[in-house]
């Protein structure tokens, strides 16, 4: 899925194709199911992507991690386990 880079300290990129896909700054990528396209559009225009995610997506939709970015650096533990 093609993702659009966004300005955020928590979220790196967002994509939508009947499924909302979010790549977090930690490198983890999740797909959120049954998310209306309006929610995706609102997230793109939200002044704070992380706050919008926490208030409107986190805990409200089923999700699955689809990819883990491989890195020689240790992941930031504060950004892990976001969903």
PDB file of N, CA and C in Angstrom:
ATOM      1  N   UNK A   1       0.847  -1.176   0.000  1.00  0.00           N
ATOM      2  CA  UNK A   1       0.000   0.000   0.000  1.00  0.00           C
ATOM      3  C   UNK A   1       0.894   1.241   0.000  1.00  0.00           C
ATOM      4  N   UNK A   2       0.507   2.206  -0.775  1.00  0.00           N
ATOM      5  CA  UNK A   2       1.247   3.460  -0.807  1.00  0.00           C
ATOM      6  C   UNK A   2       0.854   4.312   0.387  1.00  0.00           C
ATOM      7  N   UNK A   3       1.856   4.838   1.080  1.00  0.00           N
ATOM      8  CA  UNK A   3       1.613   5.675   2.254  1.00  0.00           C
ATOM      9  C   UNK A   3       2.116   7.082   2.010  1.00  0.00           C
ATOM     10  N   UNK A   4       1.493   8.029   2.683  1.00  0.00           N
ATOM     11  CA  UNK A   4       1.859   9.433   2.594  1.00  0.00           C
ATOM     12  C   UNK A   4       2.603   9.819   3.867  1.00  0.00           C
ATOM     13  N   UNK A   5       3.795  10.390   3.718  1.00  0.00           N
ATOM     14  CA  UNK A   5       4.538  10.864   4.885  1.00  0.00           C
ATOM     15  C   UNK A   5       3.762  11.994   5.551  1.00  0.00           C
ATOM     16  N   UNK A   6       3.799  12.023   6.895  1.00  0.00           N
ATOM     17  CA  UNK A   6       3.090  13.061   7.642  1.00  0.00           C
ATOM     18  C   UNK A   6       4.025  13.675   8.676  1.00  0.00           C
ATOM     19  N   UNK A   7       3.693  14.901   9.080  1.00  0.00           N
ATOM     20  CA  UNK A   7       4.435  15.590  10.132  1.00  0.00           C
ATOM     21  C   UNK A   7       3.886  15.131  11.479  1.00  0.00           C
ATOM     22  N   UNK A   8       4.682  14.401  12.231  1.00  0.00           N
ATOM     23  CA  UNK A   8       4.256  13.890  13.529  1.00  0.00           C
ATOM     24  C   UNK A   8       5.472  13.369  14.273  1.00  0.00           C
ATOM     25  N   UNK A   9       5.429  13.441  15.588  1.00  0.00           N
ATOM     26  CA  UNK A   9       6.520  12.872  16.374  1.00  0.00           C
ATOM     27  C   UNK A   9       6.316  11.386  16.642  1.00  0.00           C
ATOM     28  N   UNK A  10       5.124  10.875  16.369  1.00  0.00           N
ATOM     29  CA  UNK A  10       4.797   9.473  16.647  1.00  0.00           C
ATOM     30  C   UNK A  10       4.532   8.680  15.372  1.00  0.00           C
ATOM     31  N   UNK A  11       3.900   9.304  14.393  1.00  0.00           N
ATOM     32  CA  UNK A  11       3.476   8.631  13.160  1.00  0.00           C
ATOM     33  C   UNK A  11       4.325   9.123  12.002  1.00  0.00           C
ATOM     34  N   UNK A  12       4.850   8.182  11.228  1.00  0.00           N
ATOM     35  CA  UNK A  12       5.734   8.502  10.113  1.00  0.00           C
ATOM     36  C   UNK A  12       4.970   8.641   8.794  1.00  0.00           C
ATOM     37  N   UNK A  13       4.005   7.738   8.550  1.00  0.00           N
ATOM     38  CA  UNK A  13       3.276   7.748   7.283  1.00  0.00           C
ATOM     39  C   UNK A  13       1.921   7.065   7.454  1.00  0.00           C
ATOM     40  N   UNK A  14       0.979   7.471   6.580  1.00  0.00           N
ATOM     41  CA  UNK A  14      -0.388   6.947   6.634  1.00  0.00           C
ATOM     42  C   UNK A  14      -0.828   6.598   5.216  1.00  0.00           C
ATOM     43  N   UNK A  15      -1.507   5.457   5.067  1.00  0.00           N
ATOM     44  CA  UNK A  15      -2.068   5.066   3.772  1.00  0.00           C
ATOM     45  C   UNK A  15      -3.469   4.539   3.950  1.00  0.00           C
ATOM     46  N   UNK A  16      -4.230   4.547   2.862  1.00  0.00           N
ATOM     47  CA  UNK A  16      -5.597   4.035   2.932  1.00  0.00           C
ATOM     48  C   UNK A  16      -5.980   3.415   1.599  1.00  0.00           C
ATOM     49  N   UNK A  17      -6.473   2.201   1.666  1.00  0.00           N
ATOM     50  CA  UNK A  17      -7.030   1.507   0.518  1.00  0.00           C
ATOM     51  C   UNK A  17      -7.995   0.467   1.065  1.00  0.00           C
ATOM     52  N   UNK A  18      -9.141   0.933   1.538  1.00  0.00           N
ATOM     53  CA  UNK A  18     -10.152   0.120   2.219  1.00  0.00           C
ATOM     54  C   UNK A  18      -9.668  -0.375   3.587  1.00  0.00           C
ATOM     55  N   UNK A  19      -8.410  -0.136   3.896  1.00  0.00           N
ATOM     56  CA  UNK A  19      -7.786  -0.452   5.184  1.00  0.00           C
ATOM     57  C   UNK A  19      -6.881   0.732   5.517  1.00  0.00           C
ATOM     58  N   UNK A  20      -6.865   1.160   6.766  1.00  0.00           N
ATOM     59  CA  UNK A  20      -5.975   2.232   7.192  1.00  0.00           C
ATOM     60  C   UNK A  20      -4.642   1.620   7.591  1.00  0.00           C
ATOM     61  N   UNK A  21      -3.574   2.089   6.995  1.00  0.00           N
ATOM     62  CA  UNK A  21      -2.250   1.572   7.302  1.00  0.00           C
ATOM     63  C   UNK A  21      -1.409   2.704   7.878  1.00  0.00           C
ATOM     64  N   UNK A  22      -0.788   2.460   9.024  1.00  0.00           N
ATOM     65  CA  UNK A  22       0.008   3.472   9.706  1.00  0.00           C
ATOM     66  C   UNK A  22       1.399   2.926   9.973  1.00  0.00           C
ATOM     67  N   UNK A  23       2.399   3.704   9.571  1.00  0.00           N
ATOM     68  CA  UNK A  23       3.787   3.379   9.916  1.00  0.00           C
ATOM     69  C   UNK A  23       4.195   4.348  11.015  1.00  0.00           C
ATOM     70  N   UNK A  24       4.535   3.804  12.160  1.00  0.00           N
ATOM     71  CA  UNK A  24       4.932   4.609  13.300  1.00  0.00           C
ATOM     72  C   UNK A  24       6.426   4.923  13.219  1.00  0.00           C
ATOM     73  N   UNK A  25       6.859   5.940  13.938  1.00  0.00           N
ATOM     74  CA  UNK A  25       8.267   6.338  13.958  1.00  0.00           C
ATOM     75  C   UNK A  25       9.168   5.196  14.416  1.00  0.00           C
ATOM     76  N   UNK A  26       8.626   4.267  15.189  1.00  0.00           N
ATOM     77  CA  UNK A  26       9.400   3.104  15.642  1.00  0.00           C
ATOM     78  C   UNK A  26       9.730   2.164  14.494  1.00  0.00           C
ATOM     79  N   UNK A  27       9.046   2.342  13.337  1.00  0.00           N
ATOM     80  CA  UNK A  27       9.236   1.467  12.189  1.00  0.00           C
ATOM     81  C   UNK A  27       8.148   0.410  12.064  1.00  0.00           C
ATOM     82  N   UNK A  28       7.358   0.254  13.100  1.00  0.00           N
ATOM     83  CA  UNK A  28       6.287  -0.745  13.057  1.00  0.00           C
ATOM     84  C   UNK A  28       5.149  -0.259  12.161  1.00  0.00           C
ATOM     85  N   UNK A  29       4.580  -1.196  11.405  1.00  0.00           N
ATOM     86  CA  UNK A  29       3.483  -0.877  10.496  1.00  0.00           C
ATOM     87  C   UNK A  29       2.277  -1.708  10.893  1.00  0.00           C
ATOM     88  N   UNK A  30       1.140  -1.018  11.016  1.00  0.00           N
ATOM     89  CA  UNK A  30      -0.109  -1.681  11.397  1.00  0.00           C
ATOM     90  C   UNK A  30      -1.192  -1.361  10.386  1.00  0.00           C
ATOM     91  N   UNK A  31      -2.065  -2.344  10.178  1.00  0.00           N
ATOM     92  CA  UNK A  31      -3.266  -2.132   9.381  1.00  0.00           C
ATOM     93  C   UNK A  31      -4.465  -2.171  10.317  1.00  0.00           C
ATOM     94  N   UNK A  32      -5.345  -1.182  10.166  1.00  0.00           N
ATOM     95  CA  UNK A  32      -6.568  -1.060  10.959  1.00  0.00           C
ATOM     96  C   UNK A  32      -7.743  -1.297  10.031  1.00  0.00           C
ATOM     97  N   UNK A  33      -8.631  -2.213  10.433  1.00  0.00           N
ATOM     98  CA  UNK A  33      -9.709  -2.674   9.561  1.00  0.00           C
ATOM     99  C   UNK A  33     -11.032  -1.981   9.865  1.00  0.00           C
ATOM    100  N   UNK A  34     -11.858  -1.850   8.811  1.00  0.00           N
ATOM    101  CA  UNK A  34     -13.196  -1.259   8.905  1.00  0.00           C
ATOM    102  C   UNK A  34     -13.162   0.208   9.332  1.00  0.00           C
ATOM    103  N   UNK A  35     -12.089   0.899   9.012  1.00  0.00           N
ATOM    104  CA  UNK A  35     -11.973   2.322   9.304  1.00  0.00           C
ATOM    105  C   UNK A  35     -12.594   3.087   8.142  1.00  0.00           C
ATOM    106  N   UNK A  36     -13.573   3.941   8.402  1.00  0.00           N
ATOM    107  CA  UNK A  36     -14.176   4.716   7.309  1.00  0.00           C
ATOM    108  C   UNK A  36     -13.146   5.661   6.670  1.00  0.00           C
ATOM    109  N   UNK A  37     -13.297   5.898   5.387  1.00  0.00           N
ATOM    110  CA  UNK A  37     -12.378   6.790   4.682  1.00  0.00           C
ATOM    111  C   UNK A  37     -12.387   8.193   5.288  1.00  0.00           C
ATOM    112  N   UNK A  38     -13.524   8.588   5.852  1.00  0.00           N
ATOM    113  CA  UNK A  38     -13.619   9.914   6.484  1.00  0.00           C
ATOM    114  C   UNK A  38     -12.663  10.028   7.675  1.00  0.00           C
ATOM    115  N   UNK A  39     -12.457   8.934   8.382  1.00  0.00           N
ATOM    116  CA  UNK A  39     -11.533   8.929   9.520  1.00  0.00           C
ATOM    117  C   UNK A  39     -10.104   9.129   9.008  1.00  0.00           C
ATOM    118  N   UNK A  40      -9.769   8.453   7.921  1.00  0.00           N
ATOM    119  CA  UNK A  40      -8.452   8.625   7.295  1.00  0.00           C
ATOM    120  C   UNK A  40      -8.246  10.080   6.872  1.00  0.00           C
ATOM    121  N   UNK A  41      -9.232  10.643   6.177  1.00  0.00           N
ATOM    122  CA  UNK A  41      -9.120  12.029   5.709  1.00  0.00           C
ATOM    123  C   UNK A  41      -8.985  13.003   6.877  1.00  0.00           C
ATOM    124  N   UNK A  42      -9.745  12.767   7.939  1.00  0.00           N
ATOM    125  CA  UNK A  42      -9.658  13.640   9.114  1.00  0.00           C
ATOM    126  C   UNK A  42      -8.285  13.524   9.779  1.00  0.00           C
ATOM    127  N   UNK A  43      -7.723  12.323   9.785  1.00  0.00           N
ATOM    128  CA  UNK A  43      -6.403  12.138  10.380  1.00  0.00           C
ATOM    129  C   UNK A  43      -5.344  12.909   9.591  1.00  0.00           C
ATOM    130  N   UNK A  44      -5.457  12.891   8.267  1.00  0.00           N
ATOM    131  CA  UNK A  44      -4.492  13.613   7.436  1.00  0.00           C
ATOM    132  C   UNK A  44      -4.504  15.110   7.717  1.00  0.00           C
ATOM    133  N   UNK A  45      -5.670  15.653   8.036  1.00  0.00           N
ATOM    134  CA  UNK A  45      -5.779  17.100   8.249  1.00  0.00           C
ATOM    135  C   UNK A  45      -5.685  17.499   9.731  1.00  0.00           C
ATOM    136  N   UNK A  46      -5.621  16.527  10.610  1.00  0.00           N
ATOM    137  CA  UNK A  46      -5.553  16.823  12.043  1.00  0.00           C
ATOM    138  C   UNK A  46      -4.235  17.514  12.381  1.00  0.00           C
ATOM    139  N   UNK A  47      -4.280  18.544  13.226  1.00  0.00           N
ATOM    140  CA  UNK A  47      -3.039  19.226  13.619  1.00  0.00           C
ATOM    141  C   UNK A  47      -2.068  18.310  14.372  1.00  0.00           C
ATOM    142  N   UNK A  48      -2.603  17.340  15.132  1.00  0.00           N
ATOM    143  CA  UNK A  48      -1.780  16.373  15.845  1.00  0.00           C
ATOM    144  C   UNK A  48      -2.226  14.973  15.436  1.00  0.00           C
ATOM    145  N   UNK A  49      -1.415  14.314  14.618  1.00  0.00           N
ATOM    146  CA  UNK A  49      -1.757  12.965  14.135  1.00  0.00           C
ATOM    147  C   UNK A  49      -1.810  11.967  15.292  1.00  0.00           C
ATOM    148  N   UNK A  50      -0.867  12.075  16.235  1.00  0.00           N
ATOM    149  CA  UNK A  50      -0.829  11.162  17.375  1.00  0.00           C
ATOM    150  C   UNK A  50      -2.049  11.316  18.263  1.00  0.00           C
ATOM    151  N   UNK A  51      -2.445  12.549  18.531  1.00  0.00           N
ATOM    152  CA  UNK A  51      -3.627  12.799  19.352  1.00  0.00           C
ATOM    153  C   UNK A  51      -4.884  12.290  18.650  1.00  0.00           C
ATOM    154  N   UNK A  52      -4.983  12.533  17.334  1.00  0.00           N
ATOM    155  CA  UNK A  52      -6.139  12.047  16.578  1.00  0.00           C
ATOM    156  C   UNK A  52      -6.181  10.514  16.629  1.00  0.00           C
ATOM    157  N   UNK A  53      -5.026   9.882  16.430  1.00  0.00           N
ATOM    158  CA  UNK A  53      -4.951   8.428  16.494  1.00  0.00           C
ATOM    159  C   UNK A  53      -5.450   7.918  17.841  1.00  0.00           C
ATOM    160  N   UNK A  54      -4.953   8.509  18.915  1.00  0.00           N
ATOM    161  CA  UNK A  54      -5.342   8.063  20.263  1.00  0.00           C
ATOM    162  C   UNK A  54      -6.824   8.270  20.547  1.00  0.00           C
ATOM    163  N   UNK A  55      -7.403   9.344  20.042  1.00  0.00           N
ATOM    164  CA  UNK A  55      -8.804   9.656  20.333  1.00  0.00           C
ATOM    165  C   UNK A  55      -9.801   8.973  19.404  1.00  0.00           C
ATOM    166  N   UNK A  56      -9.401   8.669  18.160  1.00  0.00           N
ATOM    167  CA  UNK A  56     -10.374   8.200  17.173  1.00  0.00           C
ATOM    168  C   UNK A  56     -10.096   6.820  16.577  1.00  0.00           C
ATOM    169  N   UNK A  57      -8.907   6.276  16.793  1.00  0.00           N
ATOM    170  CA  UNK A  57      -8.563   5.000  16.153  1.00  0.00           C
ATOM    171  C   UNK A  57      -8.122   3.954  17.172  1.00  0.00           C
ATOM    172  N   UNK A  58      -7.191   4.301  18.017  1.00  0.00           N
ATOM    173  CA  UNK A  58      -6.637   3.354  18.994  1.00  0.00           C
ATOM    174  C   UNK A  58      -7.759   2.751  19.849  1.00  0.00           C
ATOM    175  N   UNK A  59      -7.799   1.412  19.868  1.00  0.00           N
ATOM    176  CA  UNK A  59      -8.778   0.701  20.680  1.00  0.00           C
ATOM    177  C   UNK A  59     -10.178   0.646  20.086  1.00  0.00           C
ATOM    178  N   UNK A  60     -10.383   1.244  18.908  1.00  0.00           N
ATOM    179  CA  UNK A  60     -11.714   1.276  18.301  1.00  0.00           C
ATOM    180  C   UNK A  60     -11.860   0.360  17.080  1.00  0.00           C
ATOM    181  N   UNK A  61     -10.736  -0.049  16.516  1.00  0.00           N
ATOM    182  CA  UNK A  61     -10.754  -0.892  15.314  1.00  0.00           C
ATOM    183  C   UNK A  61      -9.822  -2.074  15.511  1.00  0.00           C
ATOM    184  N   UNK A  62     -10.177  -3.183  14.875  1.00  0.00           N
ATOM    185  CA  UNK A  62      -9.267  -4.328  14.917  1.00  0.00           C
ATOM    186  C   UNK A  62      -8.053  -3.997  14.052  1.00  0.00           C
ATOM    187  N   UNK A  63      -6.908  -4.572  14.394  1.00  0.00           N
ATOM    188  CA  UNK A  63      -5.668  -4.247  13.701  1.00  0.00           C
ATOM    189  C   UNK A  63      -4.743  -5.446  13.682  1.00  0.00           C
ATOM    190  N   UNK A  64      -3.710  -5.325  12.854  1.00  0.00           N
ATOM    191  CA  UNK A  64      -2.689  -6.356  12.768  1.00  0.00           C
ATOM    192  C   UNK A  64      -1.373  -5.690  12.390  1.00  0.00           C
ATOM    193  N   UNK A  65      -0.298  -6.094  13.051  1.00  0.00           N
ATOM    194  CA  UNK A  65       1.019  -5.624  12.641  1.00  0.00           C
ATOM    195  C   UNK A  65       1.404  -6.375  11.380  1.00  0.00           C
ATOM    196  N   UNK A  66       1.885  -5.651  10.366  1.00  0.00           N
ATOM    197  CA  UNK A  66       2.198  -6.326   9.107  1.00  0.00           C
ATOM    198  C   UNK A  66       3.680  -6.364   8.785  1.00  0.00           C
ATOM    199  N   UNK A  67       4.465  -5.512   9.424  1.00  0.00           N
ATOM    200  CA  UNK A  67       5.881  -5.460   9.081  1.00  0.00           C
ATOM    201  C   UNK A  67       6.645  -4.843  10.235  1.00  0.00           C
ATOM    202  N   UNK A  68       7.842  -5.328  10.450  1.00  0.00           N
ATOM    203  CA  UNK A  68       8.703  -4.737  11.464  1.00  0.00           C
ATOM    204  C   UNK A  68       9.976  -4.286  10.781  1.00  0.00           C
ATOM    205  N   UNK A  69      10.269  -3.004  10.878  1.00  0.00           N
ATOM    206  CA  UNK A  69      11.460  -2.437  10.260  1.00  0.00           C
ATOM    207  C   UNK A  69      12.699  -3.024  10.923  1.00  0.00           C
ATOM    208  N   UNK A  70      13.597  -3.551  10.129  1.00  0.00           N
ATOM    209  CA  UNK A  70      14.842  -4.105  10.648  1.00  0.00           C
ATOM    210  C   UNK A  70      15.846  -2.975  10.782  1.00  0.00           C
ATOM    211  N   UNK A  71      16.474  -2.888  11.933  1.00  0.00           N
ATOM    212  CA  UNK A  71      17.431  -1.823  12.180  1.00  0.00           C
ATOM    213  C   UNK A  71      18.524  -2.323  13.101  1.00  0.00           C
ATOM    214  N   UNK A  72      19.719  -1.806  12.905  1.00  0.00           N
ATOM    215  CA  UNK A  72      20.824  -2.168  13.796  1.00  0.00           C
ATOM    216  C   UNK A  72      20.740  -1.381  15.093  1.00  0.00           C
ATOM    217  N   UNK A  73      19.917  -0.307  15.103  1.00  0.00           N
ATOM    218  CA  UNK A  73      19.736   0.483  16.310  1.00  0.00           C
ATOM    219  C   UNK A  73      18.627  -0.129  17.144  1.00  0.00           C
ATOM    220  N   UNK A  74      18.708   0.062  18.459  1.00  0.00           N
ATOM    221  CA  UNK A  74      17.646  -0.422  19.331  1.00  0.00           C
ATOM    222  C   UNK A  74      16.427   0.466  19.169  1.00  0.00           C
ATOM    223  N   UNK A  75      15.270  -0.137  19.216  1.00  0.00           N
ATOM    224  CA  UNK A  75      14.027   0.633  19.122  1.00  0.00           C
ATOM    225  C   UNK A  75      13.823   1.446  20.380  1.00  0.00           C
ATOM    226  N   UNK A  76      13.142   2.549  20.254  1.00  0.00           N
ATOM    227  CA  UNK A  76      12.823   3.401  21.377  1.00  0.00           C
ATOM    228  C   UNK A  76      11.679   2.757  22.150  1.00  0.00           C
ATOM    229  N   UNK A  77      11.880   2.293  23.380  1.00  0.00           N
ATOM    230  CA  UNK A  77      10.838   1.577  24.106  1.00  0.00           C
ATOM    231  C   UNK A  77       9.596   2.427  24.385  1.00  0.00           C
ATOM    232  N   UNK A  78       9.708   3.756  24.370  1.00  0.00           N
ATOM    233  CA  UNK A  78       8.546   4.608  24.599  1.00  0.00           C
ATOM    234  C   UNK A  78       7.590   4.585  23.413  1.00  0.00           C
ATOM    235  N   UNK A  79       8.081   4.196  22.237  1.00  0.00           N
ATOM    236  CA  UNK A  79       7.254   4.203  21.039  1.00  0.00           C
ATOM    237  C   UNK A  79       6.797   2.801  20.655  1.00  0.00           C
ATOM    238  N   UNK A  80       7.187   1.792  21.394  1.00  0.00           N
ATOM    239  CA  UNK A  80       6.774   0.426  21.078  1.00  0.00           C
ATOM    240  C   UNK A  80       5.391   0.157  21.643  1.00  0.00           C
ATOM    241  N   UNK A  81       4.709  -0.803  21.045  1.00  0.00           N
ATOM    242  CA  UNK A  81       3.401  -1.208  21.541  1.00  0.00           C
ATOM    243  C   UNK A  81       2.362  -0.122  21.412  1.00  0.00           C
ATOM    244  N   UNK A  82       2.392   0.632  20.358  1.00  0.00           N
ATOM    245  CA  UNK A  82       1.508   1.772  20.176  1.00  0.00           C
ATOM    246  C   UNK A  82       0.041   1.416  20.082  1.00  0.00           C
ATOM    247  N   UNK A  83      -0.361   0.374  19.354  1.00  0.00           N
ATOM    248  CA  UNK A  83      -1.801   0.146  19.170  1.00  0.00           C
ATOM    249  C   UNK A  83      -2.530   0.066  20.471  1.00  0.00           C
TER     250      UNK A  83
END
